[in-house]
ModelCIF file with pLDDT and N, C-alpha, C, O atoms, coordinates in Angstrom:
data_MODEL
#
_entry.id   MODEL 
#
_entity.id                         1 
_entity.type                       polymer 
_entity.pdbx_number_of_molecules   1 
#
_entity_poly.entity_id                      1 
_entity_poly.type                           'polypeptide(L)' 
_entity_poly.nstd_linkage                   no 
_entity_poly.nstd_monomer                   no 
_entity_poly.pdbx_seq_one_letter_code       GIIWSYIYHPQIGILNFLLDAVGLESWKKAWLSDKSVSMFALTVPIIW 
_entity_poly.pdbx_seq_one_letter_code_can   GIIWSYIYHPQIGILNFLLDAVGLESWKKAWLSDKSVSMFALTVPIIW 
_entity_poly.pdbx_strand_id                 A 
#
loop_
_entity_poly_seq.entity_id 
_entity_poly_seq.num 
_entity_poly_seq.mon_id 
_entity_poly_seq.hetero 
1 1  GLY n 
1 2  ILE n 
1 3  ILE n 
1 4  TRP n 
1 5  SER n 
1 6  TYR n 
1 7  ILE n 
1 8  TYR n 
1 9  HIS n 
1 10 PRO n 
1 11 GLN n 
1 12 ILE n 
1 13 GLY n 
1 14 ILE n 
1 15 LEU n 
1 16 ASN n 
1 17 PHE n 
1 18 LEU n 
1 19 LEU n 
1 20 ASP n 
1 21 ALA n 
1 22 VAL n 
1 23 GLY n 
1 24 LEU n 
1 25 GLU n 
1 26 SER n 
1 27 TRP n 
1 28 LYS n 
1 29 LYS n 
1 30 ALA n 
1 31 TRP n 
1 32 LEU n 
1 33 SER n 
1 34 ASP n 
1 35 LYS n 
1 36 SER n 
1 37 VAL n 
1 38 SER n 
1 39 MET n 
1 40 PHE n 
1 41 ALA n 
1 42 LEU n 
1 43 THR n 
1 44 VAL n 
1 45 PRO n 
1 46 ILE n 
1 47 ILE n 
1 48 TRP n 
#
_struct_asym.id          A 
_struct_asym.entity_id   1 
#
loop_
_ma_qa_metric.id 
_ma_qa_metric.mode 
_ma_qa_metric.name 
_ma_qa_metric.software_group_id 
_ma_qa_metric.type 
1 global pLDDT . pLDDT 
2 local  pLDDT . pLDDT 
#
_ma_qa_metric_global.metric_id      1 
_ma_qa_metric_global.metric_value   88.08 
_ma_qa_metric_global.model_id       1 
_ma_qa_metric_global.ordinal_id     1 
#
loop_
_ma_qa_metric_local.label_asym_id 
_ma_qa_metric_local.label_comp_id 
_ma_qa_metric_local.label_seq_id 
_ma_qa_metric_local.metric_id 
_ma_qa_metric_local.metric_value 
_ma_qa_metric_local.model_id 
_ma_qa_metric_local.ordinal_id 
A GLY 1  2 89.00 1 1  
A ILE 2  2 90.00 1 2  
A ILE 3  2 90.00 1 3  
A TRP 4  2 91.00 1 4  
A SER 5  2 91.00 1 5  
A TYR 6  2 90.00 1 6  
A ILE 7  2 91.00 1 7  
A TYR 8  2 91.00 1 8  
A HIS 9  2 88.00 1 9  
A PRO 10 2 86.00 1 10 
A GLN 11 2 87.00 1 11 
A ILE 12 2 86.00 1 12 
A GLY 13 2 86.00 1 13 
A ILE 14 2 90.00 1 14 
A LEU 15 2 90.00 1 15 
A ASN 16 2 89.00 1 16 
A PHE 17 2 90.00 1 17 
A LEU 18 2 90.00 1 18 
A LEU 19 2 89.00 1 19 
A ASP 20 2 87.00 1 20 
A ALA 21 2 87.00 1 21 
A VAL 22 2 88.00 1 22 
A GLY 23 2 82.00 1 23 
A LEU 24 2 83.00 1 24 
A GLU 25 2 83.00 1 25 
A SER 26 2 84.00 1 26 
A TRP 27 2 85.00 1 27 
A LYS 28 2 86.00 1 28 
A LYS 29 2 86.00 1 29 
A ALA 30 2 87.00 1 30 
A TRP 31 2 88.00 1 31 
A LEU 32 2 88.00 1 32 
A SER 33 2 87.00 1 33 
A ASP 34 2 85.00 1 34 
A LYS 35 2 86.00 1 35 
A SER 36 2 86.00 1 36 
A VAL 37 2 88.00 1 37 
A SER 38 2 89.00 1 38 
A MET 39 2 90.00 1 39 
A PHE 40 2 90.00 1 40 
A ALA 41 2 91.00 1 41 
A LEU 42 2 90.00 1 42 
A THR 43 2 91.00 1 43 
A VAL 44 2 91.00 1 44 
A PRO 45 2 90.00 1 45 
A ILE 46 2 89.00 1 46 
A ILE 47 2 89.00 1 47 
A TRP 48 2 88.00 1 48 
#
loop_
_atom_site.group_PDB 
_atom_site.id 
_atom_site.type_symbol 
_atom_site.label_atom_id 
_atom_site.label_alt_id 
_atom_site.label_comp_id 
_atom_site.label_asym_id 
_atom_site.label_entity_id 
_atom_site.label_seq_id 
_atom_site.pdbx_PDB_ins_code 
_atom_site.Cartn_x 
_atom_site.Cartn_y 
_atom_site.Cartn_z 
_atom_site.occupancy 
_atom_site.B_iso_or_equiv 
_atom_site.pdbx_formal_charge 
_atom_site.auth_seq_id 
_atom_site.auth_comp_id 
_atom_site.auth_asym_id 
_atom_site.auth_atom_id 
_atom_site.pdbx_PDB_model_num 
ATOM 1   N N  . GLY A 1 1  ? 59.849 30.890 -16.481 1.00 89.00 ? 1  GLY A N  1 
ATOM 2   C CA . GLY A 1 1  ? 60.988 30.030 -16.793 1.00 89.00 ? 1  GLY A CA 1 
ATOM 3   C C  . GLY A 1 1  ? 62.216 30.385 -15.976 1.00 89.00 ? 1  GLY A C  1 
ATOM 4   O O  . GLY A 1 1  ? 62.919 29.499 -15.491 1.00 89.00 ? 1  GLY A O  1 
ATOM 5   N N  . ILE A 1 2  ? 62.480 31.681 -15.820 1.00 90.00 ? 2  ILE A N  1 
ATOM 6   C CA . ILE A 1 2  ? 63.642 32.124 -15.033 1.00 90.00 ? 2  ILE A CA 1 
ATOM 7   C C  . ILE A 1 2  ? 63.469 31.747 -13.564 1.00 90.00 ? 2  ILE A C  1 
ATOM 8   O O  . ILE A 1 2  ? 64.412 31.285 -12.922 1.00 90.00 ? 2  ILE A O  1 
ATOM 9   N N  . ILE A 1 3  ? 62.253 31.946 -13.032 1.00 90.00 ? 3  ILE A N  1 
ATOM 10  C CA . ILE A 1 3  ? 61.984 31.598 -11.628 1.00 90.00 ? 3  ILE A CA 1 
ATOM 11  C C  . ILE A 1 3  ? 62.257 30.116 -11.383 1.00 90.00 ? 3  ILE A C  1 
ATOM 12  O O  . ILE A 1 3  ? 62.947 29.763 -10.426 1.00 90.00 ? 3  ILE A O  1 
ATOM 13  N N  . TRP A 1 4  ? 61.726 29.255 -12.232 1.00 91.00 ? 4  TRP A N  1 
ATOM 14  C CA . TRP A 1 4  ? 61.901 27.819 -12.027 1.00 91.00 ? 4  TRP A CA 1 
ATOM 15  C C  . TRP A 1 4  ? 63.311 27.358 -12.357 1.00 91.00 ? 4  TRP A C  1 
ATOM 16  O O  . TRP A 1 4  ? 63.765 26.341 -11.833 1.00 91.00 ? 4  TRP A O  1 
ATOM 17  N N  . SER A 1 5  ? 64.000 28.078 -13.204 1.00 91.00 ? 5  SER A N  1 
ATOM 18  C CA . SER A 1 5  ? 65.412 27.751 -13.450 1.00 91.00 ? 5  SER A CA 1 
ATOM 19  C C  . SER A 1 5  ? 66.231 27.954 -12.187 1.00 91.00 ? 5  SER A C  1 
ATOM 20  O O  . SER A 1 5  ? 67.133 27.168 -11.895 1.00 91.00 ? 5  SER A O  1 
ATOM 21  N N  . TYR A 1 6  ? 65.922 29.002 -11.438 1.00 90.00 ? 6  TYR A N  1 
ATOM 22  C CA . TYR A 1 6  ? 66.616 29.230 -10.169 1.00 90.00 ? 6  TYR A CA 1 
ATOM 23  C C  . TYR A 1 6  ? 66.190 28.207 -9.120  1.00 90.00 ? 6  TYR A C  1 
ATOM 24  O O  . TYR A 1 6  ? 67.010 27.772 -8.311  1.00 90.00 ? 6  TYR A O  1 
ATOM 25  N N  . ILE A 1 7  ? 64.900 27.816 -9.128  1.00 91.00 ? 7  ILE A N  1 
ATOM 26  C CA . ILE A 1 7  ? 64.449 26.799 -8.177  1.00 91.00 ? 7  ILE A CA 1 
ATOM 27  C C  . ILE A 1 7  ? 65.190 25.485 -8.400  1.00 91.00 ? 7  ILE A C  1 
ATOM 28  O O  . ILE A 1 7  ? 65.552 24.801 -7.443  1.00 91.00 ? 7  ILE A O  1 
ATOM 29  N N  . TYR A 1 8  ? 65.415 25.134 -9.672  1.00 91.00 ? 8  TYR A N  1 
ATOM 30  C CA . TYR A 1 8  ? 66.066 23.876 -10.017 1.00 91.00 ? 8  TYR A CA 1 
ATOM 31  C C  . TYR A 1 8  ? 67.592 23.977 -10.077 1.00 91.00 ? 8  TYR A C  1 
ATOM 32  O O  . TYR A 1 8  ? 68.260 22.975 -10.329 1.00 91.00 ? 8  TYR A O  1 
ATOM 33  N N  . HIS A 1 9  ? 68.143 25.146 -9.856  1.00 88.00 ? 9  HIS A N  1 
ATOM 34  C CA . HIS A 1 9  ? 69.597 25.321 -9.994  1.00 88.00 ? 9  HIS A CA 1 
ATOM 35  C C  . HIS A 1 9  ? 70.336 24.352 -9.067  1.00 88.00 ? 9  HIS A C  1 
ATOM 36  O O  . HIS A 1 9  ? 69.995 24.259 -7.888  1.00 88.00 ? 9  HIS A O  1 
ATOM 37  N N  . PRO A 1 10 ? 71.342 23.628 -9.574  1.00 86.00 ? 10 PRO A N  1 
ATOM 38  C CA . PRO A 1 10 ? 71.993 22.589 -8.746  1.00 86.00 ? 10 PRO A CA 1 
ATOM 39  C C  . PRO A 1 10 ? 72.784 23.141 -7.571  1.00 86.00 ? 10 PRO A C  1 
ATOM 40  O O  . PRO A 1 10 ? 72.937 22.445 -6.567  1.00 86.00 ? 10 PRO A O  1 
ATOM 41  N N  . GLN A 1 11 ? 73.299 24.382 -7.659  1.00 87.00 ? 11 GLN A N  1 
ATOM 42  C CA . GLN A 1 11 ? 74.092 24.940 -6.565  1.00 87.00 ? 11 GLN A CA 1 
ATOM 43  C C  . GLN A 1 11 ? 73.283 25.875 -5.655  1.00 87.00 ? 11 GLN A C  1 
ATOM 44  O O  . GLN A 1 11 ? 73.349 25.762 -4.431  1.00 87.00 ? 11 GLN A O  1 
ATOM 45  N N  . ILE A 1 12 ? 72.532 26.784 -6.249  1.00 86.00 ? 12 ILE A N  1 
ATOM 46  C CA . ILE A 1 12 ? 71.831 27.796 -5.442  1.00 86.00 ? 12 ILE A CA 1 
ATOM 47  C C  . ILE A 1 12 ? 70.318 27.608 -5.454  1.00 86.00 ? 12 ILE A C  1 
ATOM 48  O O  . ILE A 1 12 ? 69.591 28.442 -4.914  1.00 86.00 ? 12 ILE A O  1 
ATOM 49  N N  . GLY A 1 13 ? 69.836 26.531 -6.060  1.00 86.00 ? 13 GLY A N  1 
ATOM 50  C CA . GLY A 1 13 ? 68.397 26.311 -6.160  1.00 86.00 ? 13 GLY A CA 1 
ATOM 51  C C  . GLY A 1 13 ? 67.761 25.952 -4.833  1.00 86.00 ? 13 GLY A C  1 
ATOM 52  O O  . GLY A 1 13 ? 68.359 25.255 -4.012  1.00 86.00 ? 13 GLY A O  1 
ATOM 53  N N  . ILE A 1 14 ? 66.530 26.438 -4.625  1.00 90.00 ? 14 ILE A N  1 
ATOM 54  C CA . ILE A 1 14 ? 65.834 26.199 -3.359  1.00 90.00 ? 14 ILE A CA 1 
ATOM 55  C C  . ILE A 1 14 ? 65.432 24.733 -3.217  1.00 90.00 ? 14 ILE A C  1 
ATOM 56  O O  . ILE A 1 14 ? 65.326 24.234 -2.097  1.00 90.00 ? 14 ILE A O  1 
ATOM 57  N N  . LEU A 1 15 ? 65.207 24.035 -4.328  1.00 90.00 ? 15 LEU A N  1 
ATOM 58  C CA . LEU A 1 15 ? 64.792 22.639 -4.230  1.00 90.00 ? 15 LEU A CA 1 
ATOM 59  C C  . LEU A 1 15 ? 65.893 21.786 -3.622  1.00 90.00 ? 15 LEU A C  1 
ATOM 60  O O  . LEU A 1 15 ? 65.640 21.039 -2.677  1.00 90.00 ? 15 LEU A O  1 
ATOM 61  N N  . ASN A 1 16 ? 67.094 21.880 -4.139  1.00 89.00 ? 16 ASN A N  1 
ATOM 62  C CA . ASN A 1 16 ? 68.211 21.114 -3.567  1.00 89.00 ? 16 ASN A CA 1 
ATOM 63  C C  . ASN A 1 16 ? 68.524 21.555 -2.145  1.00 89.00 ? 16 ASN A C  1 
ATOM 64  O O  . ASN A 1 16 ? 68.927 20.741 -1.314  1.00 89.00 ? 16 ASN A O  1 
ATOM 65  N N  . PHE A 1 17 ? 68.341 22.846 -1.862  1.00 90.00 ? 17 PHE A N  1 
ATOM 66  C CA . PHE A 1 17 ? 68.555 23.350 -0.497  1.00 90.00 ? 17 PHE A CA 1 
ATOM 67  C C  . PHE A 1 17 ? 67.574 22.693 0.481   1.00 90.00 ? 17 PHE A C  1 
ATOM 68  O O  . PHE A 1 17 ? 67.964 22.293 1.578   1.00 90.00 ? 17 PHE A O  1 
ATOM 69  N N  . LEU A 1 18 ? 66.296 22.583 0.079   1.00 90.00 ? 18 LEU A N  1 
ATOM 70  C CA . LEU A 1 18 ? 65.301 21.959 0.951   1.00 90.00 ? 18 LEU A CA 1 
ATOM 71  C C  . LEU A 1 18 ? 65.570 20.474 1.125   1.00 90.00 ? 18 LEU A C  1 
ATOM 72  O O  . LEU A 1 18 ? 65.407 19.936 2.220   1.00 90.00 ? 18 LEU A O  1 
ATOM 73  N N  . LEU A 1 19 ? 65.981 19.810 0.057   1.00 89.00 ? 19 LEU A N  1 
ATOM 74  C CA . LEU A 1 19 ? 66.312 18.390 0.172   1.00 89.00 ? 19 LEU A CA 1 
ATOM 75  C C  . LEU A 1 19 ? 67.487 18.179 1.122   1.00 89.00 ? 19 LEU A C  1 
ATOM 76  O O  . LEU A 1 19 ? 67.509 17.230 1.906   1.00 89.00 ? 19 LEU A O  1 
ATOM 77  N N  . ASP A 1 20 ? 68.450 19.070 1.038   1.00 87.00 ? 20 ASP A N  1 
ATOM 78  C CA . ASP A 1 20 ? 69.597 19.005 1.935   1.00 87.00 ? 20 ASP A CA 1 
ATOM 79  C C  . ASP A 1 20 ? 69.178 19.252 3.375   1.00 87.00 ? 20 ASP A C  1 
ATOM 80  O O  . ASP A 1 20 ? 69.684 18.615 4.299   1.00 87.00 ? 20 ASP A O  1 
ATOM 81  N N  . ALA A 1 21 ? 68.244 20.189 3.559   1.00 87.00 ? 21 ALA A N  1 
ATOM 82  C CA . ALA A 1 21 ? 67.818 20.567 4.904   1.00 87.00 ? 21 ALA A CA 1 
ATOM 83  C C  . ALA A 1 21 ? 67.055 19.448 5.607   1.00 87.00 ? 21 ALA A C  1 
ATOM 84  O O  . ALA A 1 21 ? 67.115 19.332 6.831   1.00 87.00 ? 21 ALA A O  1 
ATOM 85  N N  . VAL A 1 22 ? 66.340 18.624 4.844   1.00 88.00 ? 22 VAL A N  1 
ATOM 86  C CA . VAL A 1 22 ? 65.554 17.552 5.472   1.00 88.00 ? 22 VAL A CA 1 
ATOM 87  C C  . VAL A 1 22 ? 66.281 16.205 5.425   1.00 88.00 ? 22 VAL A C  1 
ATOM 88  O O  . VAL A 1 22 ? 65.683 15.165 5.704   1.00 88.00 ? 22 VAL A O  1 
ATOM 89  N N  . GLY A 1 23 ? 67.560 16.225 5.074   1.00 82.00 ? 23 GLY A N  1 
ATOM 90  C CA . GLY A 1 23 ? 68.361 15.020 5.113   1.00 82.00 ? 23 GLY A CA 1 
ATOM 91  C C  . GLY A 1 23 ? 68.218 14.110 3.910   1.00 82.00 ? 23 GLY A C  1 
ATOM 92  O O  . GLY A 1 23 ? 68.489 12.913 4.004   1.00 82.00 ? 23 GLY A O  1 
ATOM 93  N N  . LEU A 1 24 ? 67.800 14.653 2.794   1.00 83.00 ? 24 LEU A N  1 
ATOM 94  C CA . LEU A 1 24 ? 67.645 13.851 1.576   1.00 83.00 ? 24 LEU A CA 1 
ATOM 95  C C  . LEU A 1 24 ? 68.695 14.263 0.546   1.00 83.00 ? 24 LEU A C  1 
ATOM 96  O O  . LEU A 1 24 ? 68.375 14.535 -0.611  1.00 83.00 ? 24 LEU A O  1 
ATOM 97  N N  . GLU A 1 25 ? 69.951 14.305 0.987   1.00 83.00 ? 25 GLU A N  1 
ATOM 98  C CA . GLU A 1 25 ? 71.022 14.732 0.087   1.00 83.00 ? 25 GLU A CA 1 
ATOM 99  C C  . GLU A 1 25 ? 71.141 13.837 -1.143  1.00 83.00 ? 25 GLU A C  1 
ATOM 100 O O  . GLU A 1 25 ? 71.532 14.297 -2.216  1.00 83.00 ? 25 GLU A O  1 
ATOM 101 N N  . SER A 1 26 ? 70.803 12.560 -0.986  1.00 84.00 ? 26 SER A N  1 
ATOM 102 C CA . SER A 1 26 ? 70.933 11.630 -2.106  1.00 84.00 ? 26 SER A CA 1 
ATOM 103 C C  . SER A 1 26 ? 69.935 11.930 -3.222  1.00 84.00 ? 26 SER A C  1 
ATOM 104 O O  . SER A 1 26 ? 70.093 11.451 -4.346  1.00 84.00 ? 26 SER A O  1 
ATOM 105 N N  . TRP A 1 27 ? 68.908 12.722 -2.911  1.00 85.00 ? 27 TRP A N  1 
ATOM 106 C CA . TRP A 1 27 ? 67.902 13.067 -3.917  1.00 85.00 ? 27 TRP A CA 1 
ATOM 107 C C  . TRP A 1 27 ? 68.306 14.292 -4.733  1.00 85.00 ? 27 TRP A C  1 
ATOM 108 O O  . TRP A 1 27 ? 67.673 14.602 -5.743  1.00 85.00 ? 27 TRP A O  1 
ATOM 109 N N  . LYS A 1 28 ? 69.341 14.977 -4.307  1.00 86.00 ? 28 LYS A N  1 
ATOM 110 C CA . LYS A 1 28 ? 69.745 16.192 -5.012  1.00 86.00 ? 28 LYS A CA 1 
ATOM 111 C C  . LYS A 1 28 ? 70.247 15.858 -6.411  1.00 86.00 ? 28 LYS A C  1 
ATOM 112 O O  . LYS A 1 28 ? 70.983 14.892 -6.609  1.00 86.00 ? 28 LYS A O  1 
ATOM 113 N N  . LYS A 1 29 ? 69.834 16.677 -7.381  1.00 86.00 ? 29 LYS A N  1 
ATOM 114 C CA . LYS A 1 29 ? 70.217 16.446 -8.769  1.00 86.00 ? 29 LYS A CA 1 
ATOM 115 C C  . LYS A 1 29 ? 70.431 17.774 -9.483  1.00 86.00 ? 29 LYS A C  1 
ATOM 116 O O  . LYS A 1 29 ? 70.028 18.836 -9.010  1.00 86.00 ? 29 LYS A O  1 
ATOM 117 N N  . ALA A 1 30 ? 71.076 17.674 -10.629 1.00 87.00 ? 30 ALA A N  1 
ATOM 118 C CA . ALA A 1 30 ? 71.086 18.795 -11.573 1.00 87.00 ? 30 ALA A CA 1 
ATOM 119 C C  . ALA A 1 30 ? 69.827 18.628 -12.422 1.00 87.00 ? 30 ALA A C  1 
ATOM 120 O O  . ALA A 1 30 ? 69.869 18.026 -13.495 1.00 87.00 ? 30 ALA A O  1 
ATOM 121 N N  . TRP A 1 31 ? 68.724 19.158 -11.941 1.00 88.00 ? 31 TRP A N  1 
ATOM 122 C CA . TRP A 1 31 ? 67.400 18.811 -12.435 1.00 88.00 ? 31 TRP A CA 1 
ATOM 123 C C  . TRP A 1 31 ? 67.203 19.086 -13.919 1.00 88.00 ? 31 TRP A C  1 
ATOM 124 O O  . TRP A 1 31 ? 66.489 18.344 -14.593 1.00 88.00 ? 31 TRP A O  1 
ATOM 125 N N  . LEU A 1 32 ? 67.819 20.133 -14.434 1.00 88.00 ? 32 LEU A N  1 
ATOM 126 C CA . LEU A 1 32 ? 67.597 20.502 -15.824 1.00 88.00 ? 32 LEU A CA 1 
ATOM 127 C C  . LEU A 1 32 ? 68.678 19.989 -16.775 1.00 88.00 ? 32 LEU A C  1 
ATOM 128 O O  . LEU A 1 32 ? 68.535 20.102 -17.992 1.00 88.00 ? 32 LEU A O  1 
ATOM 129 N N  . SER A 1 33 ? 69.737 19.437 -16.239 1.00 87.00 ? 33 SER A N  1 
ATOM 130 C CA . SER A 1 33 ? 70.801 18.915 -17.101 1.00 87.00 ? 33 SER A CA 1 
ATOM 131 C C  . SER A 1 33 ? 70.983 17.402 -16.988 1.00 87.00 ? 33 SER A C  1 
ATOM 132 O O  . SER A 1 33 ? 71.822 16.826 -17.680 1.00 87.00 ? 33 SER A O  1 
ATOM 133 N N  . ASP A 1 34 ? 70.215 16.767 -16.134 1.00 85.00 ? 34 ASP A N  1 
ATOM 134 C CA . ASP A 1 34 ? 70.226 15.314 -16.009 1.00 85.00 ? 34 ASP A CA 1 
ATOM 135 C C  . ASP A 1 34 ? 69.154 14.750 -16.946 1.00 85.00 ? 34 ASP A C  1 
ATOM 136 O O  . ASP A 1 34 ? 67.962 14.961 -16.720 1.00 85.00 ? 34 ASP A O  1 
ATOM 137 N N  . LYS A 1 35 ? 69.566 14.044 -17.982 1.00 86.00 ? 35 LYS A N  1 
ATOM 138 C CA . LYS A 1 35 ? 68.626 13.577 -19.001 1.00 86.00 ? 35 LYS A CA 1 
ATOM 139 C C  . LYS A 1 35 ? 67.559 12.637 -18.438 1.00 86.00 ? 35 LYS A C  1 
ATOM 140 O O  . LYS A 1 35 ? 66.475 12.516 -19.009 1.00 86.00 ? 35 LYS A O  1 
ATOM 141 N N  . SER A 1 36 ? 67.860 11.984 -17.339 1.00 86.00 ? 36 SER A N  1 
ATOM 142 C CA . SER A 1 36 ? 66.903 11.020 -16.791 1.00 86.00 ? 36 SER A CA 1 
ATOM 143 C C  . SER A 1 36 ? 65.718 11.684 -16.093 1.00 86.00 ? 36 SER A C  1 
ATOM 144 O O  . SER A 1 36 ? 64.667 11.061 -15.940 1.00 86.00 ? 36 SER A O  1 
ATOM 145 N N  . VAL A 1 37 ? 65.873 12.936 -15.671 1.00 88.00 ? 37 VAL A N  1 
ATOM 146 C CA . VAL A 1 37 ? 64.794 13.590 -14.919 1.00 88.00 ? 37 VAL A CA 1 
ATOM 147 C C  . VAL A 1 37 ? 64.389 14.939 -15.498 1.00 88.00 ? 37 VAL A C  1 
ATOM 148 O O  . VAL A 1 37 ? 63.378 15.498 -15.074 1.00 88.00 ? 37 VAL A O  1 
ATOM 149 N N  . SER A 1 38 ? 65.138 15.477 -16.446 1.00 89.00 ? 38 SER A N  1 
ATOM 150 C CA . SER A 1 38 ? 64.907 16.850 -16.899 1.00 89.00 ? 38 SER A CA 1 
ATOM 151 C C  . SER A 1 38 ? 63.505 17.050 -17.457 1.00 89.00 ? 38 SER A C  1 
ATOM 152 O O  . SER A 1 38 ? 62.862 18.056 -17.155 1.00 89.00 ? 38 SER A O  1 
ATOM 153 N N  . MET A 1 39 ? 63.018 16.107 -18.270 1.00 90.00 ? 39 MET A N  1 
ATOM 154 C CA . MET A 1 39 ? 61.696 16.286 -18.872 1.00 90.00 ? 39 MET A CA 1 
ATOM 155 C C  . MET A 1 39 ? 60.597 16.242 -17.825 1.00 90.00 ? 39 MET A C  1 
ATOM 156 O O  . MET A 1 39 ? 59.625 16.995 -17.902 1.00 90.00 ? 39 MET A O  1 
ATOM 157 N N  . PHE A 1 40 ? 60.751 15.360 -16.846 1.00 90.00 ? 40 PHE A N  1 
ATOM 158 C CA . PHE A 1 40 ? 59.740 15.262 -15.793 1.00 90.00 ? 40 PHE A CA 1 
ATOM 159 C C  . PHE A 1 40 ? 59.795 16.484 -14.875 1.00 90.00 ? 40 PHE A C  1 
ATOM 160 O O  . PHE A 1 40 ? 58.767 16.934 -14.370 1.00 90.00 ? 40 PHE A O  1 
ATOM 161 N N  . ALA A 1 41 ? 61.001 17.016 -14.662 1.00 91.00 ? 41 ALA A N  1 
ATOM 162 C CA . ALA A 1 41 ? 61.120 18.230 -13.857 1.00 91.00 ? 41 ALA A CA 1 
ATOM 163 C C  . ALA A 1 41 ? 60.414 19.399 -14.520 1.00 91.00 ? 41 ALA A C  1 
ATOM 164 O O  . ALA A 1 41 ? 59.847 20.249 -13.834 1.00 91.00 ? 41 ALA A O  1 
ATOM 165 N N  . LEU A 1 42 ? 60.442 19.453 -15.837 1.00 90.00 ? 42 LEU A N  1 
ATOM 166 C CA . LEU A 1 42 ? 59.816 20.561 -16.556 1.00 90.00 ? 42 LEU A CA 1 
ATOM 167 C C  . LEU A 1 42 ? 58.299 20.500 -16.525 1.00 90.00 ? 42 LEU A C  1 
ATOM 168 O O  . LEU A 1 42 ? 57.643 21.523 -16.722 1.00 90.00 ? 42 LEU A O  1 
ATOM 169 N N  . THR A 1 43 ? 57.725 19.325 -16.283 1.00 91.00 ? 43 THR A N  1 
ATOM 170 C CA . THR A 1 43 ? 56.270 19.246 -16.238 1.00 91.00 ? 43 THR A CA 1 
ATOM 171 C C  . THR A 1 43 ? 55.698 19.968 -15.022 1.00 91.00 ? 43 THR A C  1 
ATOM 172 O O  . THR A 1 43 ? 54.546 20.402 -15.050 1.00 91.00 ? 43 THR A O  1 
ATOM 173 N N  . VAL A 1 44 ? 56.484 20.103 -13.959 1.00 91.00 ? 44 VAL A N  1 
ATOM 174 C CA . VAL A 1 44 ? 55.988 20.762 -12.737 1.00 91.00 ? 44 VAL A CA 1 
ATOM 175 C C  . VAL A 1 44 ? 55.673 22.237 -12.996 1.00 91.00 ? 44 VAL A C  1 
ATOM 176 O O  . VAL A 1 44 ? 54.555 22.658 -12.698 1.00 91.00 ? 44 VAL A O  1 
ATOM 177 N N  . PRO A 1 45 ? 56.598 23.052 -13.537 1.00 90.00 ? 45 PRO A N  1 
ATOM 178 C CA . PRO A 1 45 ? 56.224 24.434 -13.824 1.00 90.00 ? 45 PRO A CA 1 
ATOM 179 C C  . PRO A 1 45 ? 55.134 24.557 -14.883 1.00 90.00 ? 45 PRO A C  1 
ATOM 180 O O  . PRO A 1 45 ? 54.359 25.514 -14.859 1.00 90.00 ? 45 PRO A O  1 
ATOM 181 N N  . ILE A 1 46 ? 55.063 23.606 -15.810 1.00 89.00 ? 46 ILE A N  1 
ATOM 182 C CA . ILE A 1 46 ? 53.991 23.656 -16.807 1.00 89.00 ? 46 ILE A CA 1 
ATOM 183 C C  . ILE A 1 46 ? 52.635 23.482 -16.138 1.00 89.00 ? 46 ILE A C  1 
ATOM 184 O O  . ILE A 1 46 ? 51.694 24.217 -16.434 1.00 89.00 ? 46 ILE A O  1 
ATOM 185 N N  . ILE A 1 47 ? 52.534 22.498 -15.224 1.00 89.00 ? 47 ILE A N  1 
ATOM 186 C CA . ILE A 1 47 ? 51.283 22.296 -14.487 1.00 89.00 ? 47 ILE A CA 1 
ATOM 187 C C  . ILE A 1 47 ? 50.962 23.522 -13.648 1.00 89.00 ? 47 ILE A C  1 
ATOM 188 O O  . ILE A 1 47 ? 49.834 24.015 -13.658 1.00 89.00 ? 47 ILE A O  1 
ATOM 189 N N  . TRP A 1 48 ? 51.967 24.013 -12.920 1.00 88.00 ? 48 TRP A N  1 
ATOM 190 C CA . TRP A 1 48 ? 51.763 25.161 -12.022 1.00 88.00 ? 48 TRP A CA 1 
ATOM 191 C C  . TRP A 1 48 ? 51.318 26.404 -12.788 1.00 88.00 ? 48 TRP A C  1 
ATOM 192 O O  . TRP A 1 48 ? 51.103 27.456 -12.185 1.00 88.00 ? 48 TRP A O  1 
#
């Protein structure tokens, strides 16, 4: 849970960093605090 919390972190998370690096800034989100995507974001670490 801690590992994936850092991955999804809106400021220092690696996911938003990678999206920024490949030019997909519009896809960046606060993954765990945005009600529209938070539940779906949590399914990824559960599957993994």
